[in-house]
Amino acid sequence: MSSFEERERAEEAKFAFDAELRFKAEARRNKHLAYWACDEIGIESANDRANYLAEVITADLTEAGPEDVVVKIKADFEAHSVQIDEATIRTKVAEFDELAKREVIDEAK
């Protein structure tokens, strides 16, 4: 095997590894967001929290990026008369995104 082929395989492996980390970080971010939203809405039972997490995960499948999750959480806040604006939700997305990335990277070590 040539050194070029070895480098190519290493790059492919790194790409796959990075993609897996991104996927795990996005899922973890969504989990943090869902549980934060549950706290704000007042969802307390473990079963209801798990169901809400599933709804957030499903919402994230609509389009790339966190926009679909922001829209879902904003709509849920409005439905429950929670006075948290979209800018605050986006701030939480950014905070939880950073937290999730750190958690996933630490676990991968």
PDB file of N, CA and C in Angstrom:
ATOM      1  N   MET A   1       0.847  -1.164   0.000  1.00  0.00           N
ATOM      2  CA  MET A   1       0.000   0.000   0.000  1.00  0.00           C
ATOM      3  C   MET A   1       0.902   1.241   0.000  1.00  0.00           C
ATOM      4  N   SER A   2       0.595   2.184  -0.858  1.00  0.00           N
ATOM      5  CA  SER A   2       1.407   3.388  -0.967  1.00  0.00           C
ATOM      6  C   SER A   2       1.098   4.351   0.178  1.00  0.00           C
ATOM      7  N   SER A   3       2.006   5.280   0.396  1.00  0.00           N
ATOM      8  CA  SER A   3       1.784   6.266   1.455  1.00  0.00           C
ATOM      9  C   SER A   3       0.583   7.155   1.119  1.00  0.00           C
ATOM     10  N   PHE A   4       0.328   7.363  -0.164  1.00  0.00           N
ATOM     11  CA  PHE A   4      -0.843   8.133  -0.570  1.00  0.00           C
ATOM     12  C   PHE A   4      -2.122   7.416  -0.154  1.00  0.00           C
ATOM     13  N   GLU A   5      -2.178   6.109  -0.386  1.00  0.00           N
ATOM     14  CA  GLU A   5      -3.360   5.338   0.006  1.00  0.00           C
ATOM     15  C   GLU A   5      -3.538   5.330   1.518  1.00  0.00           C
ATOM     16  N   GLU A   6      -2.426   5.240   2.239  1.00  0.00           N
ATOM     17  CA  GLU A   6      -2.492   5.273   3.693  1.00  0.00           C
ATOM     18  C   GLU A   6      -3.023   6.615   4.190  1.00  0.00           C
ATOM     19  N   ARG A   7      -2.532   7.704   3.602  1.00  0.00           N
ATOM     20  CA  ARG A   7      -3.026   9.030   3.975  1.00  0.00           C
ATOM     21  C   ARG A   7      -4.502   9.175   3.633  1.00  0.00           C
ATOM     22  N   GLU A   8      -4.897   8.640   2.482  1.00  0.00           N
ATOM     23  CA  GLU A   8      -6.294   8.724   2.076  1.00  0.00           C
ATOM     24  C   GLU A   8      -7.190   7.979   3.071  1.00  0.00           C
ATOM     25  N   ARG A   9      -6.771   6.808   3.471  1.00  0.00           N
ATOM     26  CA  ARG A   9      -7.556   6.042   4.448  1.00  0.00           C
ATOM     27  C   ARG A   9      -7.603   6.737   5.802  1.00  0.00           C
ATOM     28  N   ALA A  10      -6.499   7.351   6.191  1.00  0.00           N
ATOM     29  CA  ALA A  10      -6.470   8.077   7.455  1.00  0.00           C
ATOM     30  C   ALA A  10      -7.418   9.272   7.402  1.00  0.00           C
ATOM     31  N   GLU A  11      -7.442   9.972   6.285  1.00  0.00           N
ATOM     32  CA  GLU A  11      -8.355  11.109   6.135  1.00  0.00           C
ATOM     33  C   GLU A  11      -9.812  10.654   6.165  1.00  0.00           C
ATOM     34  N   GLU A  12     -10.101   9.535   5.514  1.00  0.00           N
ATOM     35  CA  GLU A  12     -11.466   9.004   5.528  1.00  0.00           C
ATOM     36  C   GLU A  12     -11.883   8.613   6.942  1.00  0.00           C
ATOM     37  N   ALA A  13     -10.969   7.998   7.679  1.00  0.00           N
ATOM     38  CA  ALA A  13     -11.268   7.602   9.054  1.00  0.00           C
ATOM     39  C   ALA A  13     -11.489   8.834   9.933  1.00  0.00           C
ATOM     40  N   LYS A  14     -10.678   9.859   9.748  1.00  0.00           N
ATOM     41  CA  LYS A  14     -10.836  11.091  10.517  1.00  0.00           C
ATOM     42  C   LYS A  14     -12.171  11.759  10.186  1.00  0.00           C
ATOM     43  N   PHE A  15     -12.535  11.789   8.909  1.00  0.00           N
ATOM     44  CA  PHE A  15     -13.809  12.379   8.505  1.00  0.00           C
ATOM     45  C   PHE A  15     -14.966  11.637   9.166  1.00  0.00           C
ATOM     46  N   ALA A  16     -14.922  10.323   9.147  1.00  0.00           N
ATOM     47  CA  ALA A  16     -15.986   9.517   9.756  1.00  0.00           C
ATOM     48  C   ALA A  16     -16.043   9.749  11.263  1.00  0.00           C
ATOM     49  N   PHE A  17     -14.890   9.820  11.896  1.00  0.00           N
ATOM     50  CA  PHE A  17     -14.831  10.053  13.338  1.00  0.00           C
ATOM     51  C   PHE A  17     -15.409  11.430  13.677  1.00  0.00           C
ATOM     52  N   ASP A  18     -15.018  12.456  12.923  1.00  0.00           N
ATOM     53  CA  ASP A  18     -15.524  13.813  13.145  1.00  0.00           C
ATOM     54  C   ASP A  18     -17.034  13.890  12.940  1.00  0.00           C
ATOM     55  N   ALA A  19     -17.532  13.197  11.922  1.00  0.00           N
ATOM     56  CA  ALA A  19     -18.971  13.182  11.656  1.00  0.00           C
ATOM     57  C   ALA A  19     -19.727  12.521  12.816  1.00  0.00           C
ATOM     58  N   GLU A  20     -19.171  11.455  13.343  1.00  0.00           N
ATOM     59  CA  GLU A  20     -19.798  10.772  14.477  1.00  0.00           C
ATOM     60  C   GLU A  20     -19.822  11.677  15.711  1.00  0.00           C
ATOM     61  N   LEU A  21     -18.721  12.394  15.959  1.00  0.00           N
ATOM     62  CA  LEU A  21     -18.685  13.325  17.085  1.00  0.00           C
ATOM     63  C   LEU A  21     -19.706  14.452  16.919  1.00  0.00           C
ATOM     64  N   ARG A  22     -19.839  14.984  15.689  1.00  0.00           N
ATOM     65  CA  ARG A  22     -20.828  16.037  15.433  1.00  0.00           C
ATOM     66  C   ARG A  22     -22.239  15.524  15.706  1.00  0.00           C
ATOM     67  N   PHE A  23     -22.530  14.327  15.236  1.00  0.00           N
ATOM     68  CA  PHE A  23     -23.851  13.735  15.450  1.00  0.00           C
ATOM     69  C   PHE A  23     -24.132  13.572  16.947  1.00  0.00           C
ATOM     70  N   LYS A  24     -23.173  13.040  17.675  1.00  0.00           N
ATOM     71  CA  LYS A  24     -23.361  12.833  19.109  1.00  0.00           C
ATOM     72  C   LYS A  24     -23.525  14.164  19.839  1.00  0.00           C
ATOM     73  N   ALA A  25     -22.755  15.168  19.432  1.00  0.00           N
ATOM     74  CA  ALA A  25     -22.849  16.479  20.071  1.00  0.00           C
ATOM     75  C   ALA A  25     -24.206  17.125  19.802  1.00  0.00           C
ATOM     76  N   GLU A  26     -24.708  16.990  18.590  1.00  0.00           N
ATOM     77  CA  GLU A  26     -26.032  17.555  18.281  1.00  0.00           C
ATOM     78  C   GLU A  26     -27.116  16.852  19.089  1.00  0.00           C
ATOM     79  N   ALA A  27     -27.014  15.543  19.204  1.00  0.00           N
ATOM     80  CA  ALA A  27     -27.999  14.798  20.001  1.00  0.00           C
ATOM     81  C   ALA A  27     -27.921  15.210  21.469  1.00  0.00           C
ATOM     82  N   ARG A  28     -26.719  15.379  21.975  1.00  0.00           N
ATOM     83  CA  ARG A  28     -26.548  15.796  23.369  1.00  0.00           C
ATOM     84  C   ARG A  28     -27.070  17.221  23.573  1.00  0.00           C
ATOM     85  N   ARG A  29     -26.794  18.105  22.609  1.00  0.00           N
ATOM     86  CA  ARG A  29     -27.315  19.481  22.690  1.00  0.00           C
ATOM     87  C   ARG A  29     -28.836  19.458  22.773  1.00  0.00           C
ATOM     88  N   ASN A  30     -29.462  18.649  21.930  1.00  0.00           N
ATOM     89  CA  ASN A  30     -30.916  18.560  21.922  1.00  0.00           C
ATOM     90  C   ASN A  30     -31.461  18.015  23.242  1.00  0.00           C
ATOM     91  N   LYS A  31     -30.732  17.088  23.848  1.00  0.00           N
ATOM     92  CA  LYS A  31     -31.149  16.550  25.141  1.00  0.00           C
ATOM     93  C   LYS A  31     -31.118  17.658  26.198  1.00  0.00           C
ATOM     94  N   HIS A  32     -30.025  18.414  26.231  1.00  0.00           N
ATOM     95  CA  HIS A  32     -29.934  19.518  27.187  1.00  0.00           C
ATOM     96  C   HIS A  32     -31.050  20.542  26.945  1.00  0.00           C
ATOM     97  N   LEU A  33     -31.286  20.872  25.675  1.00  0.00           N
ATOM     98  CA  LEU A  33     -32.344  21.831  25.340  1.00  0.00           C
ATOM     99  C   LEU A  33     -33.713  21.324  25.778  1.00  0.00           C
ATOM    100  N   ALA A  34     -33.980  20.071  25.501  1.00  0.00           N
ATOM    101  CA  ALA A  34     -35.283  19.498  25.851  1.00  0.00           C
ATOM    102  C   ALA A  34     -35.512  19.532  27.356  1.00  0.00           C
ATOM    103  N   TYR A  35     -34.489  19.167  28.120  1.00  0.00           N
ATOM    104  CA  TYR A  35     -34.655  19.153  29.571  1.00  0.00           C
ATOM    105  C   TYR A  35     -34.755  20.567  30.140  1.00  0.00           C
ATOM    106  N   TRP A  36     -34.028  21.519  29.556  1.00  0.00           N
ATOM    107  CA  TRP A  36     -34.172  22.922  29.957  1.00  0.00           C
ATOM    108  C   TRP A  36     -35.601  23.389  29.676  1.00  0.00           C
ATOM    109  N   ALA A  37     -36.104  23.065  28.473  1.00  0.00           N
ATOM    110  CA  ALA A  37     -37.473  23.458  28.109  1.00  0.00           C
ATOM    111  C   ALA A  37     -38.485  22.807  29.053  1.00  0.00           C
ATOM    112  N   CYS A  38     -38.254  21.542  29.395  1.00  0.00           N
ATOM    113  CA  CYS A  38     -39.145  20.867  30.351  1.00  0.00           C
ATOM    114  C   CYS A  38     -39.189  21.629  31.674  1.00  0.00           C
ATOM    115  N   ASP A  39     -38.042  22.058  32.149  1.00  0.00           N
ATOM    116  CA  ASP A  39     -37.998  22.806  33.408  1.00  0.00           C
ATOM    117  C   ASP A  39     -38.785  24.107  33.290  1.00  0.00           C
ATOM    118  N   GLU A  40     -38.650  24.786  32.166  1.00  0.00           N
ATOM    119  CA  GLU A  40     -39.335  26.061  31.971  1.00  0.00           C
ATOM    120  C   GLU A  40     -40.847  25.874  31.822  1.00  0.00           C
ATOM    121  N   ILE A  41     -41.248  24.810  31.145  1.00  0.00           N
ATOM    122  CA  ILE A  41     -42.669  24.539  30.920  1.00  0.00           C
ATOM    123  C   ILE A  41     -43.317  23.964  32.177  1.00  0.00           C
ATOM    124  N   GLY A  42     -42.536  23.224  32.952  1.00  0.00           N
ATOM    125  CA  GLY A  42     -43.070  22.603  34.158  1.00  0.00           C
ATOM    126  C   GLY A  42     -43.340  21.121  33.991  1.00  0.00           C
ATOM    127  N   ILE A  43     -42.684  20.500  33.050  1.00  0.00           N
ATOM    128  CA  ILE A  43     -42.821  19.060  32.842  1.00  0.00           C
ATOM    129  C   ILE A  43     -41.902  18.369  33.841  1.00  0.00           C
ATOM    130  N   GLU A  44     -42.495  17.591  34.744  1.00  0.00           N
ATOM    131  CA  GLU A  44     -41.708  17.020  35.836  1.00  0.00           C
ATOM    132  C   GLU A  44     -41.546  15.511  35.782  1.00  0.00           C
ATOM    133  N   SER A  45     -42.546  14.787  35.345  1.00  0.00           N
ATOM    134  CA  SER A  45     -42.438  13.327  35.415  1.00  0.00           C
ATOM    135  C   SER A  45     -41.400  12.818  34.414  1.00  0.00           C
ATOM    136  N   ALA A  46     -40.711  11.778  34.815  1.00  0.00           N
ATOM    137  CA  ALA A  46     -39.661  11.214  33.965  1.00  0.00           C
ATOM    138  C   ALA A  46     -40.224  10.756  32.623  1.00  0.00           C
ATOM    139  N   ASN A  47     -41.414  10.179  32.648  1.00  0.00           N
ATOM    140  CA  ASN A  47     -42.034   9.702  31.412  1.00  0.00           C
ATOM    141  C   ASN A  47     -42.368  10.866  30.479  1.00  0.00           C
ATOM    142  N   ASP A  48     -42.929  11.934  31.031  1.00  0.00           N
ATOM    143  CA  ASP A  48     -43.266  13.103  30.213  1.00  0.00           C
ATOM    144  C   ASP A  48     -42.016  13.782  29.671  1.00  0.00           C
ATOM    145  N   ARG A  49     -40.958  13.826  30.487  1.00  0.00           N
ATOM    146  CA  ARG A  49     -39.698  14.418  30.032  1.00  0.00           C
ATOM    147  C   ARG A  49     -39.102  13.589  28.892  1.00  0.00           C
ATOM    148  N   ALA A  50     -39.165  12.268  29.010  1.00  0.00           N
ATOM    149  CA  ALA A  50     -38.654  11.389  27.951  1.00  0.00           C
ATOM    150  C   ALA A  50     -39.460  11.578  26.669  1.00  0.00           C
ATOM    151  N   ASN A  51     -40.778  11.715  26.812  1.00  0.00           N
ATOM    152  CA  ASN A  51     -41.623  11.947  25.636  1.00  0.00           C
ATOM    153  C   ASN A  51     -41.293  13.275  24.975  1.00  0.00           C
ATOM    154  N   TYR A  52     -41.059  14.301  25.794  1.00  0.00           N
ATOM    155  CA  TYR A  52     -40.722  15.609  25.230  1.00  0.00           C
ATOM    156  C   TYR A  52     -39.367  15.549  24.520  1.00  0.00           C
ATOM    157  N   LEU A  53     -38.418  14.855  25.112  1.00  0.00           N
ATOM    158  CA  LEU A  53     -37.114  14.672  24.458  1.00  0.00           C
ATOM    159  C   LEU A  53     -37.293  14.020  23.095  1.00  0.00           C
ATOM    160  N   ALA A  54     -38.135  13.010  23.019  1.00  0.00           N
ATOM    161  CA  ALA A  54     -38.401  12.347  21.737  1.00  0.00           C
ATOM    162  C   ALA A  54     -39.008  13.322  20.727  1.00  0.00           C
ATOM    163  N   GLU A  55     -39.886  14.204  21.196  1.00  0.00           N
ATOM    164  CA  GLU A  55     -40.482  15.207  20.303  1.00  0.00           C
ATOM    165  C   GLU A  55     -39.420  16.168  19.770  1.00  0.00           C
ATOM    166  N   VAL A  56     -38.504  16.587  20.629  1.00  0.00           N
ATOM    167  CA  VAL A  56     -37.442  17.499  20.197  1.00  0.00           C
ATOM    168  C   VAL A  56     -36.528  16.805  19.192  1.00  0.00           C
ATOM    169  N   ILE A  57     -36.185  15.561  19.456  1.00  0.00           N
ATOM    170  CA  ILE A  57     -35.335  14.807  18.530  1.00  0.00           C
ATOM    171  C   ILE A  57     -36.027  14.670  17.180  1.00  0.00           C
ATOM    172  N   THR A  58     -37.312  14.363  17.200  1.00  0.00           N
ATOM    173  CA  THR A  58     -38.072  14.247  15.950  1.00  0.00           C
ATOM    174  C   THR A  58     -38.102  15.575  15.207  1.00  0.00           C
ATOM    175  N   ALA A  59     -38.287  16.668  15.954  1.00  0.00           N
ATOM    176  CA  ALA A  59     -38.309  17.991  15.326  1.00  0.00           C
ATOM    177  C   ALA A  59     -36.987  18.300  14.646  1.00  0.00           C
ATOM    178  N   ASP A  60     -35.890  17.836  15.227  1.00  0.00           N
ATOM    179  CA  ASP A  60     -34.562  18.131  14.669  1.00  0.00           C
ATOM    180  C   ASP A  60     -34.322  17.416  13.351  1.00  0.00           C
ATOM    181  N   LEU A  61     -35.141  16.468  13.017  1.00  0.00           N
ATOM    182  CA  LEU A  61     -34.979  15.727  11.766  1.00  0.00           C
ATOM    183  C   LEU A  61     -35.574  16.472  10.573  1.00  0.00           C
ATOM    184  N   THR A  62     -36.269  17.565  10.832  1.00  0.00           N
ATOM    185  CA  THR A  62     -36.957  18.301   9.778  1.00  0.00           C
ATOM    186  C   THR A  62     -35.991  18.963   8.818  1.00  0.00           C
ATOM    187  N   GLU A  63     -34.976  19.655   9.356  1.00  0.00           N
ATOM    188  CA  GLU A  63     -34.006  20.342   8.501  1.00  0.00           C
ATOM    189  C   GLU A  63     -32.646  20.359   9.185  1.00  0.00           C
ATOM    190  N   ALA A  64     -31.629  20.686   8.421  1.00  0.00           N
ATOM    191  CA  ALA A  64     -30.290  20.748   8.976  1.00  0.00           C
ATOM    192  C   ALA A  64     -30.172  21.930   9.932  1.00  0.00           C
ATOM    193  N   GLY A  65     -29.360  21.767  10.958  1.00  0.00           N
ATOM    194  CA  GLY A  65     -29.152  22.844  11.908  1.00  0.00           C
ATOM    195  C   GLY A  65     -30.217  22.852  12.989  1.00  0.00           C
ATOM    196  N   PRO A  66     -30.058  23.752  13.941  1.00  0.00           N
ATOM    197  CA  PRO A  66     -30.962  23.773  15.094  1.00  0.00           C
ATOM    198  C   PRO A  66     -32.246  24.571  14.882  1.00  0.00           C
ATOM    199  N   GLU A  67     -32.453  25.139  13.713  1.00  0.00           N
ATOM    200  CA  GLU A  67     -33.605  26.014  13.494  1.00  0.00           C
ATOM    201  C   GLU A  67     -34.935  25.337  13.812  1.00  0.00           C
ATOM    202  N   ASP A  68     -35.097  24.095  13.393  1.00  0.00           N
ATOM    203  CA  ASP A  68     -36.351  23.384  13.628  1.00  0.00           C
ATOM    204  C   ASP A  68     -36.597  23.150  15.120  1.00  0.00           C
ATOM    205  N   VAL A  69     -35.536  22.969  15.887  1.00  0.00           N
ATOM    206  CA  VAL A  69     -35.663  22.785  17.328  1.00  0.00           C
ATOM    207  C   VAL A  69     -36.062  24.109  17.986  1.00  0.00           C
ATOM    208  N   VAL A  70     -35.466  25.206  17.526  1.00  0.00           N
ATOM    209  CA  VAL A  70     -35.815  26.525  18.052  1.00  0.00           C
ATOM    210  C   VAL A  70     -37.302  26.804  17.814  1.00  0.00           C
ATOM    211  N   VAL A  71     -37.773  26.525  16.620  1.00  0.00           N
ATOM    212  CA  VAL A  71     -39.180  26.757  16.280  1.00  0.00           C
ATOM    213  C   VAL A  71     -40.093  25.913  17.173  1.00  0.00           C
ATOM    214  N   LYS A  72     -39.735  24.649  17.382  1.00  0.00           N
ATOM    215  CA  LYS A  72     -40.565  23.776  18.212  1.00  0.00           C
ATOM    216  C   LYS A  72     -40.622  24.266  19.652  1.00  0.00           C
ATOM    217  N   ILE A  73     -39.470  24.563  20.220  1.00  0.00           N
ATOM    218  CA  ILE A  73     -39.434  24.996  21.615  1.00  0.00           C
ATOM    219  C   ILE A  73     -40.163  26.330  21.786  1.00  0.00           C
ATOM    220  N   LYS A  74     -39.972  27.241  20.856  1.00  0.00           N
ATOM    221  CA  LYS A  74     -40.673  28.534  20.918  1.00  0.00           C
ATOM    222  C   LYS A  74     -42.188  28.317  20.890  1.00  0.00           C
ATOM    223  N   ALA A  75     -42.658  27.456  20.003  1.00  0.00           N
ATOM    224  CA  ALA A  75     -44.094  27.163  19.921  1.00  0.00           C
ATOM    225  C   ALA A  75     -44.598  26.531  21.215  1.00  0.00           C
ATOM    226  N   ASP A  76     -43.807  25.637  21.793  1.00  0.00           N
ATOM    227  CA  ASP A  76     -44.210  24.999  23.049  1.00  0.00           C
ATOM    228  C   ASP A  76     -44.250  26.007  24.187  1.00  0.00           C
ATOM    229  N   PHE A  77     -43.276  26.917  24.218  1.00  0.00           N
ATOM    230  CA  PHE A  77     -43.299  27.960  25.247  1.00  0.00           C
ATOM    231  C   PHE A  77     -44.550  28.822  25.103  1.00  0.00           C
ATOM    232  N   GLU A  78     -44.869  29.200  23.884  1.00  0.00           N
ATOM    233  CA  GLU A  78     -46.064  30.016  23.657  1.00  0.00           C
ATOM    234  C   GLU A  78     -47.330  29.263  24.073  1.00  0.00           C
ATOM    235  N   ALA A  79     -47.387  27.974  23.758  1.00  0.00           N
ATOM    236  CA  ALA A  79     -48.559  27.172  24.112  1.00  0.00           C
ATOM    237  C   ALA A  79     -48.737  27.044  25.624  1.00  0.00           C
ATOM    238  N   HIS A  80     -47.637  27.135  26.366  1.00  0.00           N
ATOM    239  CA  HIS A  80     -47.685  27.009  27.822  1.00  0.00           C
ATOM    240  C   HIS A  80     -47.518  28.366  28.520  1.00  0.00           C
ATOM    241  N   SER A  81     -47.624  29.446  27.743  1.00  0.00           N
ATOM    242  CA  SER A  81     -47.515  30.814  28.278  1.00  0.00           C
ATOM    243  C   SER A  81     -46.198  31.068  29.011  1.00  0.00           C
ATOM    244  N   VAL A  82     -45.135  30.475  28.500  1.00  0.00           N
ATOM    245  CA  VAL A  82     -43.800  30.722  29.050  1.00  0.00           C
ATOM    246  C   VAL A  82     -43.223  31.920  28.308  1.00  0.00           C
ATOM    247  N   GLN A  83     -42.837  32.933  29.055  1.00  0.00           N
ATOM    248  CA  GLN A  83     -42.379  34.187  28.467  1.00  0.00           C
ATOM    249  C   GLN A  83     -40.860  34.174  28.232  1.00  0.00           C
ATOM    250  N   ILE A  84     -40.423  33.320  27.341  1.00  0.00           N
ATOM    251  CA  ILE A  84     -39.013  33.264  26.944  1.00  0.00           C
ATOM    252  C   ILE A  84     -38.971  33.497  25.451  1.00  0.00           C
ATOM    253  N   ASP A  85     -38.195  34.502  25.051  1.00  0.00           N
ATOM    254  CA  ASP A  85     -38.168  34.874  23.633  1.00  0.00           C
ATOM    255  C   ASP A  85     -37.200  33.997  22.823  1.00  0.00           C
ATOM    256  N   GLU A  86     -37.308  34.157  21.519  1.00  0.00           N
ATOM    257  CA  GLU A  86     -36.502  33.357  20.600  1.00  0.00           C
ATOM    258  C   GLU A  86     -35.006  33.610  20.777  1.00  0.00           C
ATOM    259  N   ALA A  87     -34.627  34.838  21.078  1.00  0.00           N
ATOM    260  CA  ALA A  87     -33.208  35.160  21.278  1.00  0.00           C
ATOM    261  C   ALA A  87     -32.637  34.371  22.460  1.00  0.00           C
ATOM    262  N   THR A  88     -33.413  34.235  23.508  1.00  0.00           N
ATOM    263  CA  THR A  88     -32.960  33.462  24.672  1.00  0.00           C
ATOM    264  C   THR A  88     -32.828  31.986  24.319  1.00  0.00           C
ATOM    265  N   ILE A  89     -33.765  31.480  23.539  1.00  0.00           N
ATOM    266  CA  ILE A  89     -33.687  30.083  23.106  1.00  0.00           C
ATOM    267  C   ILE A  89     -32.422  29.873  22.276  1.00  0.00           C
ATOM    268  N   ARG A  90     -32.134  30.797  21.369  1.00  0.00           N
ATOM    269  CA  ARG A  90     -30.925  30.693  20.540  1.00  0.00           C
ATOM    270  C   ARG A  90     -29.651  30.771  21.394  1.00  0.00           C
ATOM    271  N   THR A  91     -29.685  31.593  22.430  1.00  0.00           N
ATOM    272  CA  THR A  91     -28.541  31.662  23.341  1.00  0.00           C
ATOM    273  C   THR A  91     -28.341  30.319  24.030  1.00  0.00           C
ATOM    274  N   LYS A  92     -29.446  29.715  24.453  1.00  0.00           N
ATOM    275  CA  LYS A  92     -29.358  28.390  25.078  1.00  0.00           C
ATOM    276  C   LYS A  92     -28.842  27.344  24.089  1.00  0.00           C
ATOM    277  N   VAL A  93     -29.266  27.437  22.832  1.00  0.00           N
ATOM    278  CA  VAL A  93     -28.762  26.519  21.801  1.00  0.00           C
ATOM    279  C   VAL A  93     -27.237  26.626  21.741  1.00  0.00           C
ATOM    280  N   ALA A  94     -26.734  27.842  21.683  1.00  0.00           N
ATOM    281  CA  ALA A  94     -25.280  28.043  21.604  1.00  0.00           C
ATOM    282  C   ALA A  94     -24.578  27.524  22.853  1.00  0.00           C
ATOM    283  N   GLU A  95     -25.139  27.829  24.029  1.00  0.00           N
ATOM    284  CA  GLU A  95     -24.544  27.354  25.284  1.00  0.00           C
ATOM    285  C   GLU A  95     -24.505  25.824  25.337  1.00  0.00           C
ATOM    286  N   PHE A  96     -25.641  25.209  25.024  1.00  0.00           N
ATOM    287  CA  PHE A  96     -25.713  23.754  25.098  1.00  0.00           C
ATOM    288  C   PHE A  96     -24.898  23.086  23.992  1.00  0.00           C
ATOM    289  N   ASP A  97     -24.741  23.774  22.862  1.00  0.00           N
ATOM    290  CA  ASP A  97     -23.911  23.244  21.790  1.00  0.00           C
ATOM    291  C   ASP A  97     -22.462  23.144  22.261  1.00  0.00           C
ATOM    292  N   GLU A  98     -21.971  24.196  22.889  1.00  0.00           N
ATOM    293  CA  GLU A  98     -20.598  24.185  23.411  1.00  0.00           C
ATOM    294  C   GLU A  98     -20.433  23.141  24.509  1.00  0.00           C
ATOM    295  N   LEU A  99     -21.391  23.082  25.416  1.00  0.00           N
ATOM    296  CA  LEU A  99     -21.344  22.094  26.493  1.00  0.00           C
ATOM    297  C   LEU A  99     -21.328  20.680  25.925  1.00  0.00           C
ATOM    298  N   ALA A 100     -22.207  20.414  24.979  1.00  0.00           N
ATOM    299  CA  ALA A 100     -22.302  19.071  24.386  1.00  0.00           C
ATOM    300  C   ALA A 100     -21.015  18.698  23.667  1.00  0.00           C
ATOM    301  N   LYS A 101     -20.425  19.634  22.945  1.00  0.00           N
ATOM    302  CA  LYS A 101     -19.153  19.355  22.251  1.00  0.00           C
ATOM    303  C   LYS A 101     -18.073  18.980  23.252  1.00  0.00           C
ATOM    304  N   ARG A 102     -17.975  19.751  24.334  1.00  0.00           N
ATOM    305  CA  ARG A 102     -16.965  19.431  25.355  1.00  0.00           C
ATOM    306  C   ARG A 102     -17.216  18.052  25.961  1.00  0.00           C
ATOM    307  N   GLU A 103     -18.471  17.751  26.266  1.00  0.00           N
ATOM    308  CA  GLU A 103     -18.805  16.458  26.857  1.00  0.00           C
ATOM    309  C   GLU A 103     -18.446  15.312  25.930  1.00  0.00           C
ATOM    310  N   VAL A 104     -18.796  15.436  24.659  1.00  0.00           N
ATOM    311  CA  VAL A 104     -18.540  14.367  23.685  1.00  0.00           C
ATOM    312  C   VAL A 104     -17.040  14.191  23.462  1.00  0.00           C
ATOM    313  N   ILE A 105     -16.322  15.288  23.370  1.00  0.00           N
ATOM    314  CA  ILE A 105     -14.864  15.190  23.192  1.00  0.00           C
ATOM    315  C   ILE A 105     -14.217  14.564  24.411  1.00  0.00           C
ATOM    316  N   ASP A 106     -14.645  14.957  25.611  1.00  0.00           N
ATOM    317  CA  ASP A 106     -14.091  14.371  26.824  1.00  0.00           C
ATOM    318  C   ASP A 106     -14.361  12.870  26.895  1.00  0.00           C
ATOM    319  N   GLU A 107     -15.546  12.458  26.459  1.00  0.00           N
ATOM    320  CA  GLU A 107     -15.881  11.027  26.467  1.00  0.00           C
ATOM    321  C   GLU A 107     -15.091  10.247  25.430  1.00  0.00           C
ATOM    322  N   ALA A 108     -14.699  10.901  24.354  1.00  0.00           N
ATOM    323  CA  ALA A 108     -13.973  10.226  23.281  1.00  0.00           C
ATOM    324  C   ALA A 108     -12.505  10.004  23.627  1.00  0.00           C
ATOM    325  N   LYS A 109     -12.020  10.702  24.640  1.00  0.00           N
ATOM    326  CA  LYS A 109     -10.590  10.582  25.027  1.00  0.00           C
ATOM    327  C   LYS A 109     -10.299   9.272  25.671  1.00  0.00           C
TER     328      LYS A 109
END
